[in-house]
Amino acid sequence: MTCEIVTVTLNPAIDRTVAVDRLTLGAVHRARSSLSNAGGKGVNVAGCLADWGLRPIVTGILGRDNAAPFEAFFAAKGIDDRFVRAAGETRTNIKIADLATGETTDLNLPGLHVSTATYDAVWETLRAVVRPTTLVVVAGSLPENLPVVTLAALVSDLTRLGARVVLDTSGEPLARALAPEVRHLPFAVKPNRAELEDFAGRPLAGEAEIAAAARALVERGLGLVVVSRGADGAIFVTAEAALTARLPPVTALSTVGAGDAMVAGMVAGLAEAAPLERIARLGVAFAAAKLADVGPNLPSVAAVRELAAAVTLRPVD
């Protein structure tokens, strides 16, 4: 039996993905396609979990003036919408997909100005739905006016409620949440290699060094550290084992949200109390499956299971 899952997105966005044949700076481009969808890391995670057959609760902060795309998305996916509405518009992020290279260029616009009362309303929502063992995904960036310690404080408060917190953020918010003086750490984190190097303050030359940096976090009390590495798959580290997991490279329609899909796969495994091998297979399979679509969507459960069975696992020394 799976446990309850909640995702928190304080700075969501409407993701507008524009595909061009080849991106050239300073040139005029004719777009091949343009697609807008509800986005933000926690929203993306919830969308993938819903496609897997789970029913997550989502909360965070949405602008009232353009909440309709989010509301339609949540209704279509069967997601329990507990977002707090605030005055104004949720930001739009522009993503330019280069069809020639498979790379995506992001232009992330400023988010809402969030009042203390609005943030407090999010916390009250969480207090009402979180129970011991609830999996809570705290994901994404902060609205610009919230203190940089906000996510660290949120993780700490949720942990004291008994939640298992999966944190997916970067930069200073990640550093504050994992600072040496912090007593209540998240249960799991999923930095990419560059984010882990930034946190560690040094380059990490290969699998062994990446795994060692991840183990240092596990030794401080984290239950799981996953380091995503793009086409090279990911490294999954617990106190008992370290695995590298990967699939053969696939043609990507869009890489946007692949990291969020990996978090969703991790959470799906954690929700069923799966062993590390299963968590690794699901994490990599969700990420690979997401590459074939634009937006926070997965293909059929059967297709994802087929990918999971094909994932190659290898111990990291």
Protein backbone atom coordinates (compact mmCIF):
# COMPACT_ATOMS: atom_id res chain seq x y z
CA MET A 1 0.00 0.00 0.00
CA THR A 2 1.36 3.42 -0.96
CA CYS A 3 1.56 6.37 1.41
CA GLU A 4 0.15 9.84 0.82
CA ILE A 5 2.17 12.20 -1.39
CA VAL A 6 2.14 16.01 -1.30
CA THR A 7 4.10 18.33 -3.57
CA VAL A 8 4.92 21.96 -2.70
CA THR A 9 5.68 24.54 -5.40
CA LEU A 10 6.11 28.07 -4.08
CA ASN A 11 7.16 29.55 -7.43
CA PRO A 12 5.26 27.73 -10.21
CA ALA A 13 5.20 28.84 -13.81
CA ILE A 14 3.36 28.49 -17.06
CA ASP A 15 5.95 26.83 -19.28
CA ARG A 16 5.83 28.02 -22.88
CA THR A 17 7.95 25.70 -25.02
CA VAL A 18 8.87 26.97 -28.49
CA ALA A 19 10.60 24.55 -30.90
CA VAL A 20 12.97 25.86 -33.59
CA ASP A 21 15.03 23.97 -36.18
CA ARG A 22 18.29 25.41 -34.88
CA LEU A 23 18.80 28.20 -32.34
CA THR A 24 21.18 30.94 -33.46
CA LEU A 25 21.79 33.95 -31.24
CA GLY A 26 20.87 37.24 -32.91
CA ALA A 27 18.87 35.56 -35.69
CA VAL A 28 15.19 35.60 -36.56
CA HIS A 29 13.60 32.17 -36.16
CA ARG A 30 10.41 30.61 -37.48
CA ALA A 31 8.99 28.44 -34.73
CA ARG A 32 8.02 24.88 -35.61
CA SER A 33 5.62 24.65 -32.69
CA SER A 34 4.57 26.40 -29.51
CA LEU A 35 2.97 24.79 -26.49
CA SER A 36 2.01 26.20 -23.10
CA ASN A 37 1.38 24.08 -20.03
CA ALA A 38 1.13 24.37 -16.26
CA GLY A 39 4.58 23.92 -14.79
CA GLY A 40 6.92 24.32 -11.86
CA LYS A 41 8.90 21.46 -10.35
CA GLY A 42 6.31 20.21 -7.87
CA VAL A 43 3.55 20.51 -10.48
CA ASN A 44 5.64 18.48 -12.93
CA VAL A 45 6.32 15.81 -10.30
CA ALA A 46 2.62 15.56 -9.49
CA GLY A 47 1.69 15.24 -13.16
CA CYS A 48 4.04 12.29 -13.65
CA LEU A 49 2.86 10.62 -10.45
CA ALA A 50 -0.76 10.97 -11.59
CA ASP A 51 0.10 9.32 -14.92
CA TRP A 52 1.63 6.45 -12.93
CA GLY A 53 -1.71 5.96 -11.19
CA LEU A 54 -1.15 7.84 -7.93
CA ARG A 55 -3.23 10.77 -6.65
CA PRO A 56 -0.93 13.39 -5.15
CA ILE A 57 -1.99 16.52 -3.32
CA VAL A 58 -0.48 19.74 -4.64
CA THR A 59 -0.03 23.04 -2.86
CA GLY A 60 1.96 26.22 -3.19
CA ILE A 61 1.08 29.66 -4.55
CA LEU A 62 -0.79 30.52 -7.76
CA GLY A 63 -1.72 33.91 -9.17
CA ARG A 64 -5.49 34.27 -9.40
CA ASP A 65 -5.36 36.07 -12.75
CA ASN A 66 -4.05 33.09 -14.73
CA ALA A 67 -4.81 30.06 -12.57
CA ALA A 68 -7.04 28.47 -15.24
CA PRO A 69 -4.30 26.41 -16.97
CA PHE A 70 -3.29 24.89 -13.63
CA GLU A 71 -6.87 24.18 -12.63
CA ALA A 72 -7.53 22.46 -15.95
CA PHE A 73 -4.34 20.41 -15.62
CA PHE A 74 -5.15 19.27 -12.08
CA ALA A 75 -8.71 18.35 -13.05
CA ALA A 76 -7.58 16.37 -16.10
CA LYS A 77 -4.98 14.42 -14.09
CA GLY A 78 -7.12 13.79 -11.01
CA ILE A 79 -4.73 15.80 -8.81
CA ASP A 80 -6.00 17.18 -5.49
CA ASP A 81 -5.54 20.96 -5.81
CA ARG A 82 -4.77 22.71 -2.51
CA PHE A 83 -2.87 25.68 -3.99
CA VAL A 84 -3.28 29.04 -2.27
CA ARG A 85 -4.42 31.77 -4.67
CA ALA A 86 -2.74 35.18 -4.49
CA ALA A 87 -3.30 38.49 -6.27
CA GLY A 88 -1.60 38.79 -9.66
CA GLU A 89 -0.31 36.41 -12.32
CA THR A 90 1.84 33.31 -12.04
CA ARG A 91 5.03 33.86 -14.02
CA THR A 92 5.66 32.49 -17.52
CA ASN A 93 8.89 30.67 -18.35
CA ILE A 94 9.96 30.53 -21.99
CA LYS A 95 11.80 27.41 -23.12
CA ILE A 96 13.36 27.32 -26.58
CA ALA A 97 13.83 23.76 -27.80
CA ASP A 98 16.60 23.40 -30.41
CA LEU A 99 15.52 20.47 -32.60
CA ALA A 100 18.98 20.15 -34.17
CA THR A 101 20.86 19.64 -30.90
CA GLY A 102 18.13 18.47 -28.53
CA GLU A 103 19.11 21.25 -26.12
CA THR A 104 16.73 23.64 -24.40
CA THR A 105 17.38 27.29 -23.55
CA ASP A 106 15.39 28.67 -20.61
CA LEU A 107 14.24 32.23 -19.99
CA ASN A 108 12.73 32.25 -16.49
CA LEU A 109 10.71 35.36 -15.66
CA PRO A 110 10.24 36.86 -12.16
CA GLY A 111 7.57 35.32 -9.97
CA LEU A 112 4.82 36.72 -7.76
CA HIS A 113 5.51 38.98 -4.81
CA VAL A 114 4.40 36.74 -1.94
CA SER A 115 3.09 38.19 1.32
CA THR A 116 3.72 36.64 4.71
CA ALA A 117 0.00 35.92 5.01
CA THR A 118 0.02 34.00 1.73
CA TYR A 119 2.99 31.89 2.77
CA ASP A 120 1.38 31.24 6.15
CA ALA A 121 -1.72 29.98 4.32
CA VAL A 122 0.45 27.44 2.48
CA TRP A 123 1.88 26.26 5.80
CA GLU A 124 -1.60 25.89 7.29
CA THR A 125 -2.59 23.81 4.27
CA LEU A 126 0.39 21.55 4.86
CA ARG A 127 -0.37 21.22 8.56
CA ALA A 128 -3.84 20.02 7.63
CA VAL A 129 -2.75 17.31 5.16
CA VAL A 130 0.65 16.07 6.34
CA ARG A 131 0.80 13.03 8.59
CA PRO A 132 3.74 10.97 9.89
CA THR A 133 5.36 9.13 6.93
CA THR A 134 3.69 11.42 4.35
CA LEU A 135 6.06 11.97 1.43
CA VAL A 136 6.37 15.70 0.80
CA VAL A 137 8.20 16.92 -2.30
CA VAL A 138 9.49 20.48 -1.79
CA ALA A 139 10.65 21.55 -5.21
CA GLY A 140 11.79 24.51 -7.25
CA SER A 141 12.90 28.06 -6.65
CA LEU A 142 11.65 30.72 -4.27
CA PRO A 143 9.62 33.82 -5.11
CA GLU A 144 12.15 36.62 -5.11
CA ASN A 145 10.89 38.40 -1.98
CA LEU A 146 10.89 35.35 0.32
CA PRO A 147 13.97 34.88 2.53
CA VAL A 148 16.58 32.46 1.21
CA VAL A 149 16.14 30.33 4.35
CA THR A 150 12.45 29.70 3.57
CA LEU A 151 12.90 26.21 2.12
CA ALA A 152 15.29 25.17 4.89
CA ALA A 153 12.74 26.29 7.49
CA LEU A 154 9.93 24.54 5.61
CA VAL A 155 11.88 21.27 5.43
CA SER A 156 12.62 21.50 9.15
CA ASP A 157 8.99 22.20 10.05
CA LEU A 158 7.70 19.35 7.87
CA THR A 159 10.25 16.93 9.30
CA ARG A 160 9.07 17.78 12.80
CA LEU A 161 5.57 16.80 11.68
CA GLY A 162 6.98 13.39 10.78
CA ALA A 163 7.01 13.86 7.00
CA ARG A 164 9.66 12.34 4.76
CA VAL A 165 10.76 15.36 2.73
CA VAL A 166 12.23 15.04 -0.76
CA LEU A 167 13.96 18.33 -1.56
CA ASP A 168 14.72 19.33 -5.15
CA THR A 169 16.21 22.80 -5.32
CA SER A 170 19.62 24.34 -5.97
CA GLY A 171 22.01 27.15 -5.09
CA GLU A 172 21.69 28.97 -1.79
CA PRO A 173 18.31 27.45 -0.81
CA LEU A 174 19.87 23.96 -1.10
CA ALA A 175 22.98 25.04 0.79
CA ARG A 176 20.88 26.48 3.63
CA ALA A 177 18.76 23.32 3.87
CA LEU A 178 21.90 21.14 4.12
CA ALA A 179 24.05 23.48 6.22
CA PRO A 180 26.14 21.81 8.97
CA GLU A 181 24.14 23.46 11.75
CA VAL A 182 20.77 22.23 10.45
CA ARG A 183 19.26 19.59 12.76
CA HIS A 184 16.22 18.58 10.70
CA LEU A 185 17.47 17.51 7.27
CA PRO A 186 15.37 16.34 4.33
CA PHE A 187 14.94 12.60 3.83
CA ALA A 188 16.17 12.79 0.22
CA VAL A 189 17.67 15.23 -2.25
CA LYS A 190 18.18 15.06 -6.02
CA PRO A 191 20.85 17.49 -7.20
CA ASN A 192 22.31 17.17 -10.66
CA ARG A 193 26.05 16.86 -10.95
CA ALA A 194 26.65 20.60 -11.34
CA GLU A 195 24.44 21.39 -8.35
CA LEU A 196 26.26 18.84 -6.19
CA GLU A 197 29.61 20.29 -7.27
CA ASP A 198 28.35 23.76 -6.39
CA PHE A 199 27.28 22.53 -2.96
CA ALA A 200 30.53 20.60 -2.40
CA GLY A 201 32.61 23.58 -3.55
CA ARG A 202 34.79 21.52 -5.88
CA PRO A 203 34.69 19.62 -9.18
CA LEU A 204 33.68 15.95 -8.95
CA ALA A 205 35.73 14.13 -11.55
CA GLY A 206 33.93 10.81 -11.88
CA GLU A 207 31.46 8.33 -10.43
CA ALA A 208 33.57 7.58 -7.36
CA GLU A 209 33.89 11.24 -6.39
CA ILE A 210 30.20 11.92 -7.04
CA ALA A 211 29.25 8.92 -4.91
CA ALA A 212 31.63 10.02 -2.14
CA ALA A 213 30.04 13.49 -2.03
CA ALA A 214 26.60 11.87 -1.89
CA ARG A 215 27.72 9.48 0.87
CA ALA A 216 28.91 12.45 2.94
CA LEU A 217 25.30 13.70 2.96
CA VAL A 218 23.93 10.25 3.81
CA GLU A 219 26.37 10.05 6.73
CA ARG A 220 24.80 13.24 8.08
CA GLY A 221 21.40 11.56 8.19
CA LEU A 222 19.79 11.73 4.75
CA GLY A 223 18.08 8.52 3.68
CA LEU A 224 18.68 8.86 -0.07
CA VAL A 225 20.79 11.05 -2.35
CA VAL A 226 20.28 10.86 -6.10
CA VAL A 227 22.62 12.67 -8.48
CA SER A 228 21.24 13.02 -12.00
CA ARG A 229 23.75 13.09 -14.87
CA GLY A 230 21.73 13.57 -18.04
CA ALA A 231 22.47 10.94 -20.68
CA ASP A 232 24.80 9.18 -18.21
CA GLY A 233 21.85 8.26 -15.99
CA ALA A 234 22.03 8.81 -12.25
CA ILE A 235 23.81 7.67 -9.10
CA PHE A 236 21.60 6.49 -6.20
CA VAL A 237 23.17 6.41 -2.74
CA THR A 238 21.86 5.17 0.61
CA ALA A 239 23.65 4.08 3.77
CA GLU A 240 23.66 0.51 2.47
CA ALA A 241 24.60 0.86 -1.21
CA ALA A 242 25.51 3.09 -4.14
CA LEU A 243 24.25 2.28 -7.64
CA THR A 244 24.65 3.85 -11.04
CA ALA A 245 21.57 3.45 -13.21
CA ARG A 246 21.18 4.27 -16.89
CA LEU A 247 19.39 3.53 -20.13
CA PRO A 248 20.77 3.79 -23.68
CA PRO A 249 20.43 7.34 -25.04
CA VAL A 250 17.03 8.13 -26.56
CA THR A 251 15.94 10.85 -28.97
CA ALA A 252 14.52 13.68 -26.89
CA LEU A 253 11.61 15.79 -28.07
CA SER A 254 12.21 17.98 -25.00
CA THR A 255 14.53 17.65 -22.00
CA VAL A 256 12.34 20.07 -20.00
CA GLY A 257 11.11 18.38 -16.83
CA ALA A 258 13.24 15.23 -17.13
CA GLY A 259 14.78 15.90 -13.71
CA ASP A 260 11.32 16.42 -12.23
CA ALA A 261 10.21 13.12 -13.77
CA MET A 262 13.19 11.43 -12.09
CA VAL A 263 12.05 12.84 -8.75
CA ALA A 264 8.57 11.46 -9.47
CA GLY A 265 10.06 8.03 -10.14
CA MET A 266 12.04 8.18 -6.89
CA VAL A 267 8.92 9.15 -4.98
CA ALA A 268 6.84 6.42 -6.63
CA GLY A 269 9.41 3.89 -5.41
CA LEU A 270 9.57 5.38 -1.92
CA ALA A 271 5.78 5.38 -1.70
CA GLU A 272 5.69 1.62 -2.22
CA ALA A 273 8.61 1.06 0.20
CA ALA A 274 10.66 -0.38 -2.68
CA PRO A 275 14.32 -1.41 -2.40
CA LEU A 276 17.01 0.85 -3.85
CA GLU A 277 17.21 -1.16 -7.09
CA ARG A 278 13.52 -0.54 -7.78
CA ILE A 279 13.78 3.15 -6.88
CA ALA A 280 16.71 3.52 -9.28
CA ARG A 281 14.88 1.75 -12.10
CA LEU A 282 11.78 3.89 -11.66
CA GLY A 283 13.74 7.15 -11.38
CA VAL A 284 15.67 6.58 -14.61
CA ALA A 285 12.66 5.12 -16.44
CA PHE A 286 10.41 8.07 -15.55
CA ALA A 287 13.08 10.53 -16.76
CA ALA A 288 13.65 8.66 -20.03
CA ALA A 289 9.92 8.29 -20.65
CA LYS A 290 9.39 12.03 -20.16
CA LEU A 291 11.83 12.86 -22.98
CA ALA A 292 9.31 11.78 -25.60
CA ASP A 293 6.74 14.45 -24.70
CA VAL A 294 6.48 18.16 -23.97
CA GLY A 295 4.96 18.98 -20.60
CA PRO A 296 4.62 17.03 -17.34
CA ASN A 297 3.36 13.82 -18.90
CA LEU A 298 4.37 10.17 -19.03
CA PRO A 299 3.39 7.53 -21.58
CA SER A 300 1.45 4.45 -20.52
CA VAL A 301 2.29 2.60 -17.31
CA ALA A 302 3.21 -0.40 -19.44
CA ALA A 303 5.72 1.66 -21.45
CA VAL A 304 7.35 2.99 -18.28
CA ARG A 305 7.55 -0.52 -16.82
CA GLU A 306 9.26 -1.72 -19.98
CA LEU A 307 11.85 1.04 -19.66
CA ALA A 308 12.36 0.26 -15.97
CA ALA A 309 13.08 -3.38 -16.77
CA ALA A 310 15.70 -2.28 -19.30
CA VAL A 311 17.63 -0.02 -16.89
CA THR A 312 21.21 -1.16 -16.33
CA LEU A 313 22.31 -1.14 -12.68
CA ARG A 314 25.90 -1.30 -11.47
CA PRO A 315 27.45 -0.84 -8.01
CA VAL A 316 29.65 2.21 -7.52
CA ASP A 317 32.86 1.44 -5.63
